[in-house]
Amino acid sequence: PDLTGHEKFGLGNIKYNISRIHVTAVELPSASISLLPGSGIKLVIGNASLTISMNWNIRTWMFKDSGRATVHISKVFVTAILSTPLDNTGPTSVSLTSCRTTSGDIDIKLNGKS
């Protein structure tokens, strides 16, 4: 979904809109899934990266600008525990018990008119 809002910055407000957000690349060089007896599944992703492209525009009382942006997030590490109750009373369900995520580098490239 698009992101629209405003932030108070210095002497005025900045209105922004981020639209046409697309994930253009995902790399998962190290990923594993293991069973946790009696409790669920452990998912570990190491050194992943993600690239996202989007349109952006901002407006203040002094100027306005718009353009394209590319965001590259790297050195992403995720550990998630999913619980899977094993009772025969209904459909199988999966719930997130815990999740920890860290990222190392974020590179943002803005192309605009100004």
N, C-alpha and C. Protein backbone atom coordinates (compact mmCIF):
# COMPACT_ATOMS: atom_id res chain seq x y z
N PRO A 1 0.82 -1.21 0.00
CA PRO A 1 0.00 0.00 0.00
C PRO A 1 0.86 1.26 0.00
N ASP A 2 0.29 2.34 -0.49
CA ASP A 2 0.97 3.63 -0.50
C ASP A 2 1.10 4.17 0.92
N LEU A 3 2.11 4.99 1.15
CA LEU A 3 2.33 5.64 2.44
C LEU A 3 2.16 7.14 2.25
N THR A 4 1.24 7.74 2.98
CA THR A 4 0.97 9.17 2.89
C THR A 4 0.90 9.73 4.30
N GLY A 5 1.45 10.93 4.49
CA GLY A 5 1.37 11.54 5.81
C GLY A 5 2.07 12.87 5.85
N HIS A 6 2.28 13.36 7.06
CA HIS A 6 3.00 14.61 7.25
C HIS A 6 3.79 14.54 8.56
N GLU A 7 4.88 15.28 8.58
CA GLU A 7 5.76 15.34 9.75
C GLU A 7 6.08 16.79 10.03
N LYS A 8 6.14 17.14 11.30
CA LYS A 8 6.56 18.49 11.70
C LYS A 8 8.08 18.50 11.70
N PHE A 9 8.65 19.44 10.99
CA PHE A 9 10.10 19.50 10.84
C PHE A 9 10.51 20.97 10.85
N GLY A 10 11.27 21.36 11.85
CA GLY A 10 11.73 22.74 11.92
C GLY A 10 10.56 23.71 12.05
N LEU A 11 10.46 24.61 11.09
CA LEU A 11 9.43 25.66 11.13
C LEU A 11 8.14 25.29 10.42
N GLY A 12 8.05 24.13 9.84
CA GLY A 12 6.83 23.80 9.11
C GLY A 12 6.58 22.31 9.01
N ASN A 13 5.56 21.99 8.24
CA ASN A 13 5.20 20.59 8.01
C ASN A 13 5.74 20.13 6.67
N ILE A 14 6.09 18.86 6.61
CA ILE A 14 6.46 18.21 5.36
C ILE A 14 5.38 17.19 5.06
N LYS A 15 4.73 17.33 3.92
CA LYS A 15 3.76 16.33 3.47
C LYS A 15 4.48 15.40 2.51
N TYR A 16 4.23 14.10 2.66
CA TYR A 16 4.91 13.13 1.81
C TYR A 16 3.94 12.08 1.30
N ASN A 17 4.31 11.48 0.19
CA ASN A 17 3.57 10.36 -0.39
C ASN A 17 4.58 9.42 -1.02
N ILE A 18 4.53 8.16 -0.65
CA ILE A 18 5.37 7.12 -1.24
C ILE A 18 4.42 6.13 -1.89
N SER A 19 4.58 5.93 -3.20
CA SER A 19 3.63 5.09 -3.93
C SER A 19 4.37 4.12 -4.86
N ARG A 20 3.60 3.22 -5.43
CA ARG A 20 4.13 2.20 -6.37
C ARG A 20 5.33 1.48 -5.77
N ILE A 21 5.16 1.00 -4.54
CA ILE A 21 6.22 0.30 -3.83
C ILE A 21 6.29 -1.13 -4.37
N HIS A 22 7.48 -1.50 -4.85
CA HIS A 22 7.68 -2.84 -5.42
C HIS A 22 8.96 -3.45 -4.89
N VAL A 23 8.87 -4.69 -4.46
CA VAL A 23 10.07 -5.45 -4.11
C VAL A 23 10.64 -5.98 -5.42
N THR A 24 11.86 -5.55 -5.75
CA THR A 24 12.45 -5.92 -7.04
C THR A 24 13.47 -7.04 -6.94
N ALA A 25 13.98 -7.30 -5.73
CA ALA A 25 14.95 -8.39 -5.56
C ALA A 25 14.96 -8.85 -4.11
N VAL A 26 15.08 -10.17 -3.93
CA VAL A 26 15.24 -10.78 -2.61
C VAL A 26 16.32 -11.84 -2.74
N GLU A 27 17.30 -11.81 -1.85
CA GLU A 27 18.33 -12.84 -1.83
C GLU A 27 18.37 -13.48 -0.46
N LEU A 28 18.29 -14.81 -0.44
CA LEU A 28 18.34 -15.58 0.81
C LEU A 28 19.47 -16.59 0.70
N PRO A 29 20.73 -16.13 0.86
CA PRO A 29 21.85 -17.04 0.66
C PRO A 29 21.97 -18.12 1.73
N SER A 30 21.38 -17.86 2.90
CA SER A 30 21.47 -18.85 3.98
C SER A 30 20.12 -18.91 4.69
N ALA A 31 19.40 -20.00 4.50
CA ALA A 31 18.10 -20.17 5.16
C ALA A 31 17.96 -21.61 5.59
N SER A 32 17.38 -21.80 6.78
CA SER A 32 17.15 -23.17 7.25
C SER A 32 15.85 -23.23 8.04
N ILE A 33 15.25 -24.40 8.00
CA ILE A 33 14.04 -24.69 8.77
C ILE A 33 14.31 -25.96 9.56
N SER A 34 13.98 -25.92 10.86
CA SER A 34 14.15 -27.11 11.67
C SER A 34 12.93 -27.31 12.55
N LEU A 35 12.66 -28.57 12.87
CA LEU A 35 11.53 -28.90 13.73
C LEU A 35 11.96 -28.79 15.20
N LEU A 36 11.09 -28.22 16.00
CA LEU A 36 11.28 -28.17 17.45
C LEU A 36 10.29 -29.15 18.06
N PRO A 37 10.75 -30.32 18.50
CA PRO A 37 9.83 -31.36 18.96
C PRO A 37 8.84 -30.84 20.01
N GLY A 38 7.58 -31.08 19.74
CA GLY A 38 6.53 -30.72 20.67
C GLY A 38 6.12 -29.27 20.66
N SER A 39 6.81 -28.42 19.89
CA SER A 39 6.43 -27.00 19.94
C SER A 39 6.26 -26.33 18.60
N GLY A 40 7.00 -26.72 17.57
CA GLY A 40 6.79 -26.05 16.29
C GLY A 40 7.97 -26.10 15.35
N ILE A 41 8.19 -24.97 14.70
CA ILE A 41 9.19 -24.86 13.64
C ILE A 41 10.06 -23.64 13.90
N LYS A 42 11.37 -23.79 13.65
CA LYS A 42 12.30 -22.67 13.76
C LYS A 42 12.80 -22.33 12.37
N LEU A 43 12.66 -21.05 11.98
CA LEU A 43 13.12 -20.55 10.69
C LEU A 43 14.27 -19.60 10.95
N VAL A 44 15.41 -19.83 10.29
CA VAL A 44 16.57 -18.95 10.43
C VAL A 44 17.01 -18.51 9.03
N ILE A 45 17.11 -17.20 8.84
CA ILE A 45 17.57 -16.64 7.57
C ILE A 45 18.78 -15.78 7.90
N GLY A 46 19.87 -16.00 7.19
CA GLY A 46 21.10 -15.26 7.46
C GLY A 46 21.61 -14.53 6.25
N ASN A 47 22.11 -13.32 6.47
CA ASN A 47 22.75 -12.50 5.45
C ASN A 47 21.88 -12.28 4.21
N ALA A 48 20.60 -12.05 4.43
CA ALA A 48 19.67 -11.81 3.33
C ALA A 48 19.76 -10.36 2.87
N SER A 49 19.20 -10.09 1.70
CA SER A 49 19.12 -8.71 1.21
C SER A 49 17.82 -8.52 0.46
N LEU A 50 17.42 -7.26 0.35
CA LEU A 50 16.14 -6.90 -0.22
C LEU A 50 16.29 -5.57 -0.95
N THR A 51 15.74 -5.46 -2.15
CA THR A 51 15.75 -4.21 -2.89
C THR A 51 14.32 -3.81 -3.19
N ILE A 52 14.00 -2.54 -2.92
CA ILE A 52 12.64 -2.01 -3.09
C ILE A 52 12.73 -0.75 -3.94
N SER A 53 11.82 -0.60 -4.92
CA SER A 53 11.75 0.64 -5.69
C SER A 53 10.40 1.29 -5.43
N MET A 54 10.36 2.62 -5.58
CA MET A 54 9.12 3.36 -5.28
C MET A 54 9.16 4.74 -5.91
N ASN A 55 7.99 5.36 -6.01
CA ASN A 55 7.87 6.77 -6.35
C ASN A 55 7.74 7.54 -5.05
N TRP A 56 8.20 8.79 -5.03
CA TRP A 56 8.07 9.61 -3.83
C TRP A 56 7.77 11.05 -4.23
N ASN A 57 7.08 11.76 -3.35
CA ASN A 57 6.97 13.20 -3.51
C ASN A 57 6.80 13.83 -2.13
N ILE A 58 7.37 15.02 -2.00
CA ILE A 58 7.28 15.78 -0.76
C ILE A 58 6.85 17.20 -1.10
N ARG A 59 6.22 17.84 -0.11
CA ARG A 59 5.77 19.22 -0.29
C ARG A 59 5.90 19.94 1.04
N THR A 60 6.51 21.11 1.01
CA THR A 60 6.58 21.99 2.17
C THR A 60 6.05 23.36 1.75
N TRP A 61 6.04 24.28 2.67
CA TRP A 61 5.57 25.62 2.33
C TRP A 61 6.54 26.32 1.39
N MET A 62 7.81 25.82 1.31
CA MET A 62 8.82 26.46 0.48
C MET A 62 9.03 25.79 -0.87
N PHE A 63 8.91 24.48 -0.94
CA PHE A 63 9.19 23.78 -2.20
C PHE A 63 8.45 22.46 -2.25
N LYS A 64 8.46 21.88 -3.45
CA LYS A 64 7.95 20.53 -3.64
C LYS A 64 8.88 19.81 -4.60
N ASP A 65 8.94 18.50 -4.46
CA ASP A 65 9.80 17.69 -5.32
C ASP A 65 9.23 16.29 -5.38
N SER A 66 9.62 15.56 -6.42
CA SER A 66 9.16 14.18 -6.58
C SER A 66 10.19 13.43 -7.41
N GLY A 67 10.08 12.10 -7.40
CA GLY A 67 10.99 11.29 -8.18
C GLY A 67 10.84 9.82 -7.87
N ARG A 68 11.90 9.08 -8.15
CA ARG A 68 11.97 7.65 -7.89
C ARG A 68 13.01 7.39 -6.83
N ALA A 69 12.86 6.30 -6.11
CA ALA A 69 13.83 5.91 -5.09
C ALA A 69 14.06 4.41 -5.16
N THR A 70 15.27 4.02 -4.80
CA THR A 70 15.62 2.62 -4.64
C THR A 70 16.23 2.45 -3.26
N VAL A 71 15.73 1.47 -2.51
CA VAL A 71 16.23 1.16 -1.18
C VAL A 71 16.79 -0.25 -1.21
N HIS A 72 18.04 -0.39 -0.77
CA HIS A 72 18.67 -1.71 -0.70
C HIS A 72 19.01 -1.97 0.76
N ILE A 73 18.45 -3.03 1.32
CA ILE A 73 18.69 -3.42 2.71
C ILE A 73 19.49 -4.72 2.68
N SER A 74 20.64 -4.73 3.36
CA SER A 74 21.48 -5.92 3.34
C SER A 74 21.89 -6.32 4.76
N LYS A 75 22.50 -7.48 4.84
CA LYS A 75 22.93 -8.06 6.12
C LYS A 75 21.72 -8.23 7.05
N VAL A 76 20.64 -8.79 6.49
CA VAL A 76 19.41 -9.01 7.25
C VAL A 76 19.47 -10.42 7.85
N PHE A 77 19.18 -10.49 9.16
CA PHE A 77 19.15 -11.77 9.86
C PHE A 77 17.80 -11.90 10.55
N VAL A 78 17.15 -13.05 10.37
CA VAL A 78 15.82 -13.30 10.95
C VAL A 78 15.83 -14.66 11.64
N THR A 79 15.30 -14.69 12.86
CA THR A 79 15.04 -15.95 13.54
C THR A 79 13.59 -15.91 13.99
N ALA A 80 12.80 -16.89 13.56
CA ALA A 80 11.38 -16.93 13.91
C ALA A 80 11.01 -18.31 14.42
N ILE A 81 10.17 -18.34 15.44
CA ILE A 81 9.64 -19.59 15.98
C ILE A 81 8.14 -19.60 15.69
N LEU A 82 7.70 -20.64 15.01
CA LEU A 82 6.28 -20.80 14.68
C LEU A 82 5.74 -21.98 15.47
N SER A 83 4.62 -21.78 16.14
CA SER A 83 4.02 -22.91 16.87
C SER A 83 2.93 -23.53 16.03
N THR A 84 2.86 -24.84 16.10
CA THR A 84 1.88 -25.60 15.33
C THR A 84 1.22 -26.61 16.25
N PRO A 85 0.14 -26.21 16.90
CA PRO A 85 -0.56 -27.15 17.79
C PRO A 85 -1.00 -28.39 17.02
N LEU A 86 -0.73 -29.54 17.59
CA LEU A 86 -1.05 -30.80 16.92
C LEU A 86 -2.22 -31.50 17.62
N ASP A 87 -3.38 -30.89 17.54
CA ASP A 87 -4.57 -31.59 18.02
C ASP A 87 -5.47 -31.85 16.83
N ASN A 88 -6.27 -32.85 16.93
CA ASN A 88 -7.12 -33.23 15.81
C ASN A 88 -8.52 -32.64 15.92
N THR A 89 -8.66 -31.49 16.56
CA THR A 89 -9.98 -30.91 16.78
C THR A 89 -10.41 -29.96 15.67
N GLY A 90 -9.54 -29.64 14.77
CA GLY A 90 -9.91 -28.71 13.70
C GLY A 90 -8.78 -28.55 12.71
N PRO A 91 -8.88 -27.52 11.89
CA PRO A 91 -7.84 -27.31 10.88
C PRO A 91 -6.50 -26.95 11.53
N THR A 92 -5.42 -27.28 10.84
CA THR A 92 -4.09 -26.97 11.34
C THR A 92 -3.90 -25.45 11.36
N SER A 93 -3.33 -24.96 12.44
CA SER A 93 -3.06 -23.52 12.53
C SER A 93 -1.59 -23.31 12.82
N VAL A 94 -1.10 -22.15 12.42
CA VAL A 94 0.29 -21.77 12.65
C VAL A 94 0.26 -20.36 13.24
N SER A 95 1.01 -20.17 14.33
CA SER A 95 1.10 -18.82 14.90
C SER A 95 2.55 -18.49 15.19
N LEU A 96 2.86 -17.21 15.08
CA LEU A 96 4.22 -16.73 15.34
C LEU A 96 4.42 -16.59 16.84
N THR A 97 5.34 -17.36 17.40
CA THR A 97 5.62 -17.32 18.83
C THR A 97 6.66 -16.26 19.15
N SER A 98 7.72 -16.19 18.36
CA SER A 98 8.73 -15.16 18.55
C SER A 98 9.41 -14.86 17.23
N CYS A 99 9.94 -13.63 17.13
CA CYS A 99 10.63 -13.23 15.91
C CYS A 99 11.68 -12.19 16.27
N ARG A 100 12.88 -12.36 15.74
CA ARG A 100 13.94 -11.38 15.95
C ARG A 100 14.57 -11.08 14.60
N THR A 101 14.67 -9.80 14.28
CA THR A 101 15.22 -9.37 12.99
C THR A 101 16.24 -8.26 13.21
N THR A 102 17.36 -8.34 12.52
CA THR A 102 18.33 -7.26 12.52
C THR A 102 18.75 -6.99 11.08
N SER A 103 19.12 -5.75 10.81
CA SER A 103 19.65 -5.42 9.48
C SER A 103 20.92 -4.61 9.66
N GLY A 104 21.86 -4.79 8.75
CA GLY A 104 23.15 -4.14 8.87
C GLY A 104 23.27 -2.85 8.11
N ASP A 105 22.94 -2.86 6.83
CA ASP A 105 23.14 -1.69 5.97
C ASP A 105 21.86 -1.34 5.23
N ILE A 106 21.60 -0.04 5.11
CA ILE A 106 20.49 0.45 4.31
C ILE A 106 21.05 1.53 3.39
N ASP A 107 20.89 1.33 2.08
CA ASP A 107 21.37 2.27 1.08
C ASP A 107 20.15 2.84 0.35
N ILE A 108 19.98 4.17 0.38
CA ILE A 108 18.83 4.82 -0.24
C ILE A 108 19.34 5.73 -1.35
N LYS A 109 18.80 5.53 -2.56
CA LYS A 109 19.14 6.40 -3.69
C LYS A 109 17.87 7.13 -4.13
N LEU A 110 17.92 8.46 -4.08
CA LEU A 110 16.79 9.29 -4.49
C LEU A 110 17.12 9.97 -5.82
N ASN A 111 16.20 9.88 -6.75
CA ASN A 111 16.31 10.62 -8.02
C ASN A 111 15.11 11.54 -8.08
N GLY A 112 15.36 12.84 -8.19
CA GLY A 112 14.28 13.81 -8.23
C GLY A 112 14.60 14.96 -9.15
N LYS A 113 13.70 15.90 -9.17
CA LYS A 113 13.86 17.05 -10.05
C LYS A 113 14.87 18.06 -9.51
N SER A 114 14.96 18.17 -8.19
CA SER A 114 15.87 19.18 -7.60
C SER A 114 17.26 18.64 -7.43
